[in-house]
Amino acid sequence: MSEWTKEFIDHWKHEFRHGNEFDMDTCRDAIDEIERLQSELAAERESHRWIPVSERMPEGDCRVPVLFDVLGASLLGVAFYYAAFQHFKTIDTGEDFDVTHWQQLPSAPEVTE
């Protein structure tokens, strides 16, 4: 949460607690900020969800975290996805498993010197 958002929320908590009246512009600003935060949260949730392989596959060749089925048990692993073959192979053993879901890796952190 940004510092501005925290201050905004703290300000309005204080105003509501003390029964202060609000003008329409202030209410619109609050609604706009709430809608912005809801949109940001939805995008964040979408970027961290497990994607069923029945929905879509990764774009291009890449390494991704996967859930795969082994004798009816879901296991977590890392696999390399071969886009040309639409196929996953586990990184550690190179075996083929029935991958059920995959997830995008987050962006690498920025390196500051």
C-alpha atoms as a PDB file:
ATOM      1  CA  MET A   1       0.000   0.000   0.000  1.00  0.00           C
ATOM      2  CA  SER A   2       1.403   3.361  -0.955  1.00  0.00           C
ATOM      3  CA  GLU A   3       2.129   5.971   1.706  1.00  0.00           C
ATOM      4  CA  TRP A   4      -0.426   8.276   0.064  1.00  0.00           C
ATOM      5  CA  THR A   5      -3.110   5.546   0.273  1.00  0.00           C
ATOM      6  CA  LYS A   6      -2.331   4.876   3.945  1.00  0.00           C
ATOM      7  CA  GLU A   7      -2.572   8.586   4.764  1.00  0.00           C
ATOM      8  CA  PHE A   8      -5.811   8.853   2.752  1.00  0.00           C
ATOM      9  CA  ILE A   9      -7.391   5.943   4.650  1.00  0.00           C
ATOM     10  CA  ASP A  10      -6.166   7.188   8.041  1.00  0.00           C
ATOM     11  CA  HIS A  11      -7.571  10.641   7.298  1.00  0.00           C
ATOM     12  CA  TRP A  12     -11.021   9.262   6.479  1.00  0.00           C
ATOM     13  CA  LYS A  13     -11.058   6.935   9.466  1.00  0.00           C
ATOM     14  CA  HIS A  14     -10.454  10.000  11.635  1.00  0.00           C
ATOM     15  CA  GLU A  15     -13.172  12.008   9.838  1.00  0.00           C
ATOM     16  CA  PHE A  16     -15.753   9.234  10.188  1.00  0.00           C
ATOM     17  CA  ARG A  17     -14.979   8.691  13.859  1.00  0.00           C
ATOM     18  CA  HIS A  18     -15.518  12.369  14.616  1.00  0.00           C
ATOM     19  CA  GLY A  19     -18.734  12.679  12.605  1.00  0.00           C
ATOM     20  CA  ASN A  20     -17.441  15.371  10.251  1.00  0.00           C
ATOM     21  CA  GLU A  21     -19.492  16.205   7.181  1.00  0.00           C
ATOM     22  CA  PHE A  22     -18.159  15.527   3.702  1.00  0.00           C
ATOM     23  CA  ASP A  23     -18.548  17.345   0.426  1.00  0.00           C
ATOM     24  CA  MET A  24     -19.329  15.470  -2.812  1.00  0.00           C
ATOM     25  CA  ASP A  25     -15.858  16.018  -4.323  1.00  0.00           C
ATOM     26  CA  THR A  26     -14.271  14.385  -1.307  1.00  0.00           C
ATOM     27  CA  CYS A  27     -16.649  11.429  -1.531  1.00  0.00           C
ATOM     28  CA  ARG A  28     -15.909  11.051  -5.262  1.00  0.00           C
ATOM     29  CA  ASP A  29     -12.185  11.075  -4.503  1.00  0.00           C
ATOM     30  CA  ALA A  30     -12.692   8.347  -1.926  1.00  0.00           C
ATOM     31  CA  ILE A  31     -14.763   6.245  -4.349  1.00  0.00           C
ATOM     32  CA  ASP A  32     -12.145   6.693  -7.102  1.00  0.00           C
ATOM     33  CA  GLU A  33      -9.377   5.582  -4.753  1.00  0.00           C
ATOM     34  CA  ILE A  34     -11.364   2.545  -3.611  1.00  0.00           C
ATOM     35  CA  GLU A  35     -12.029   1.539  -7.218  1.00  0.00           C
ATOM     36  CA  ARG A  36      -8.344   1.982  -8.088  1.00  0.00           C
ATOM     37  CA  LEU A  37      -7.294  -0.186  -5.163  1.00  0.00           C
ATOM     38  CA  GLN A  38      -9.858  -2.865  -6.039  1.00  0.00           C
ATOM     39  CA  SER A  39      -8.538  -2.957  -9.603  1.00  0.00           C
ATOM     40  CA  GLU A  40      -4.942  -3.167  -8.367  1.00  0.00           C
ATOM     41  CA  LEU A  41      -5.877  -6.025  -6.016  1.00  0.00           C
ATOM     42  CA  ALA A  42      -7.686  -7.941  -8.779  1.00  0.00           C
ATOM     43  CA  ALA A  43      -4.647  -7.626 -11.063  1.00  0.00           C
ATOM     44  CA  GLU A  44      -2.344  -8.795  -8.262  1.00  0.00           C
ATOM     45  CA  ARG A  45      -4.542 -11.823  -7.538  1.00  0.00           C
ATOM     46  CA  GLU A  46      -4.663 -12.711 -11.241  1.00  0.00           C
ATOM     47  CA  SER A  47      -0.875 -12.568 -11.552  1.00  0.00           C
ATOM     48  CA  HIS A  48      -0.416 -15.010  -8.637  1.00  0.00           C
ATOM     49  CA  ARG A  49      -3.058 -17.609  -9.385  1.00  0.00           C
ATOM     50  CA  TRP A  50      -2.510 -21.180 -10.541  1.00  0.00           C
ATOM     51  CA  ILE A  51      -3.530 -21.449 -14.201  1.00  0.00           C
ATOM     52  CA  PRO A  52      -5.126 -24.729 -15.317  1.00  0.00           C
ATOM     53  CA  VAL A  53      -3.460 -26.189 -18.409  1.00  0.00           C
ATOM     54  CA  SER A  54      -6.964 -26.621 -19.815  1.00  0.00           C
ATOM     55  CA  GLU A  55      -7.288 -22.808 -19.770  1.00  0.00           C
ATOM     56  CA  ARG A  56      -3.986 -21.867 -21.409  1.00  0.00           C
ATOM     57  CA  MET A  57      -0.304 -22.707 -21.612  1.00  0.00           C
ATOM     58  CA  PRO A  58       2.712 -20.462 -21.006  1.00  0.00           C
ATOM     59  CA  GLU A  59       3.843 -18.223 -23.840  1.00  0.00           C
ATOM     60  CA  GLY A  60       7.099 -19.439 -25.328  1.00  0.00           C
ATOM     61  CA  ASP A  61       9.754 -21.718 -23.865  1.00  0.00           C
ATOM     62  CA  CYS A  62      10.154 -21.055 -20.134  1.00  0.00           C
ATOM     63  CA  ARG A  63      10.598 -22.446 -16.650  1.00  0.00           C
ATOM     64  CA  VAL A  64       7.487 -22.324 -14.485  1.00  0.00           C
ATOM     65  CA  PRO A  65       6.267 -23.679 -11.149  1.00  0.00           C
ATOM     66  CA  VAL A  66       3.828 -26.520 -11.806  1.00  0.00           C
ATOM     67  CA  LEU A  67       1.395 -28.768 -10.012  1.00  0.00           C
ATOM     68  CA  PHE A  68       1.428 -32.282 -11.397  1.00  0.00           C
ATOM     69  CA  ASP A  69      -0.440 -35.460 -10.677  1.00  0.00           C
ATOM     70  CA  VAL A  70       1.450 -38.542  -9.525  1.00  0.00           C
ATOM     71  CA  LEU A  71      -0.758 -41.501  -8.640  1.00  0.00           C
ATOM     72  CA  GLY A  72      -3.615 -39.184  -7.702  1.00  0.00           C
ATOM     73  CA  ALA A  73      -1.521 -36.852  -5.541  1.00  0.00           C
ATOM     74  CA  SER A  74      -0.824 -33.229  -6.497  1.00  0.00           C
ATOM     75  CA  LEU A  75       2.865 -32.392  -6.211  1.00  0.00           C
ATOM     76  CA  LEU A  76       4.645 -29.063  -6.635  1.00  0.00           C
ATOM     77  CA  GLY A  77       7.640 -28.795  -8.900  1.00  0.00           C
ATOM     78  CA  VAL A  78       9.434 -26.702 -11.487  1.00  0.00           C
ATOM     79  CA  ALA A  79       9.209 -27.656 -15.134  1.00  0.00           C
ATOM     80  CA  PHE A  80      10.488 -26.415 -18.450  1.00  0.00           C
ATOM     81  CA  TYR A  81       7.724 -25.750 -20.948  1.00  0.00           C
ATOM     82  CA  TYR A  82       8.519 -26.494 -24.595  1.00  0.00           C
ATOM     83  CA  ALA A  83       6.123 -24.281 -26.558  1.00  0.00           C
ATOM     84  CA  ALA A  84       6.722 -25.998 -29.931  1.00  0.00           C
ATOM     85  CA  PHE A  85       5.594 -29.310 -28.444  1.00  0.00           C
ATOM     86  CA  GLN A  86       3.169 -27.878 -25.844  1.00  0.00           C
ATOM     87  CA  HIS A  87       4.892 -30.100 -23.325  1.00  0.00           C
ATOM     88  CA  PHE A  88       6.353 -29.830 -19.800  1.00  0.00           C
ATOM     89  CA  LYS A  89       9.420 -31.693 -18.485  1.00  0.00           C
ATOM     90  CA  THR A  90      10.464 -31.486 -14.856  1.00  0.00           C
ATOM     91  CA  ILE A  91      13.702 -29.586 -14.235  1.00  0.00           C
ATOM     92  CA  ASP A  92      15.173 -31.939 -11.638  1.00  0.00           C
ATOM     93  CA  THR A  93      14.615 -35.334 -13.346  1.00  0.00           C
ATOM     94  CA  GLY A  94      13.477 -34.501 -16.885  1.00  0.00           C
ATOM     95  CA  GLU A  95      10.509 -36.812 -16.427  1.00  0.00           C
ATOM     96  CA  ASP A  96       7.093 -36.391 -17.956  1.00  0.00           C
ATOM     97  CA  PHE A  97       4.228 -35.927 -15.517  1.00  0.00           C
ATOM     98  CA  ASP A  98       0.610 -34.965 -15.946  1.00  0.00           C
ATOM     99  CA  VAL A  99       0.856 -31.211 -15.255  1.00  0.00           C
ATOM    100  CA  THR A 100      -2.510 -29.859 -14.139  1.00  0.00           C
ATOM    101  CA  HIS A 101      -1.645 -26.216 -13.327  1.00  0.00           C
ATOM    102  CA  TRP A 102       1.215 -23.766 -13.781  1.00  0.00           C
ATOM    103  CA  GLN A 103       2.067 -20.305 -12.508  1.00  0.00           C
ATOM    104  CA  GLN A 104       3.968 -17.313 -13.874  1.00  0.00           C
ATOM    105  CA  LEU A 105       7.230 -16.553 -12.129  1.00  0.00           C
ATOM    106  CA  PRO A 106       7.342 -13.066 -10.634  1.00  0.00           C
ATOM    107  CA  SER A 107       9.582 -10.435 -12.181  1.00  0.00           C
ATOM    108  CA  ALA A 108      13.153 -10.414 -10.948  1.00  0.00           C
ATOM    109  CA  PRO A 109      13.903  -7.807  -8.295  1.00  0.00           C
ATOM    110  CA  GLU A 110      15.620  -4.609  -9.340  1.00  0.00           C
ATOM    111  CA  VAL A 111      19.298  -4.598  -8.463  1.00  0.00           C
ATOM    112  CA  THR A 112      20.510  -1.357  -6.923  1.00  0.00           C
ATOM    113  CA  GLU A 113      24.180  -0.646  -6.459  1.00  0.00           C
END
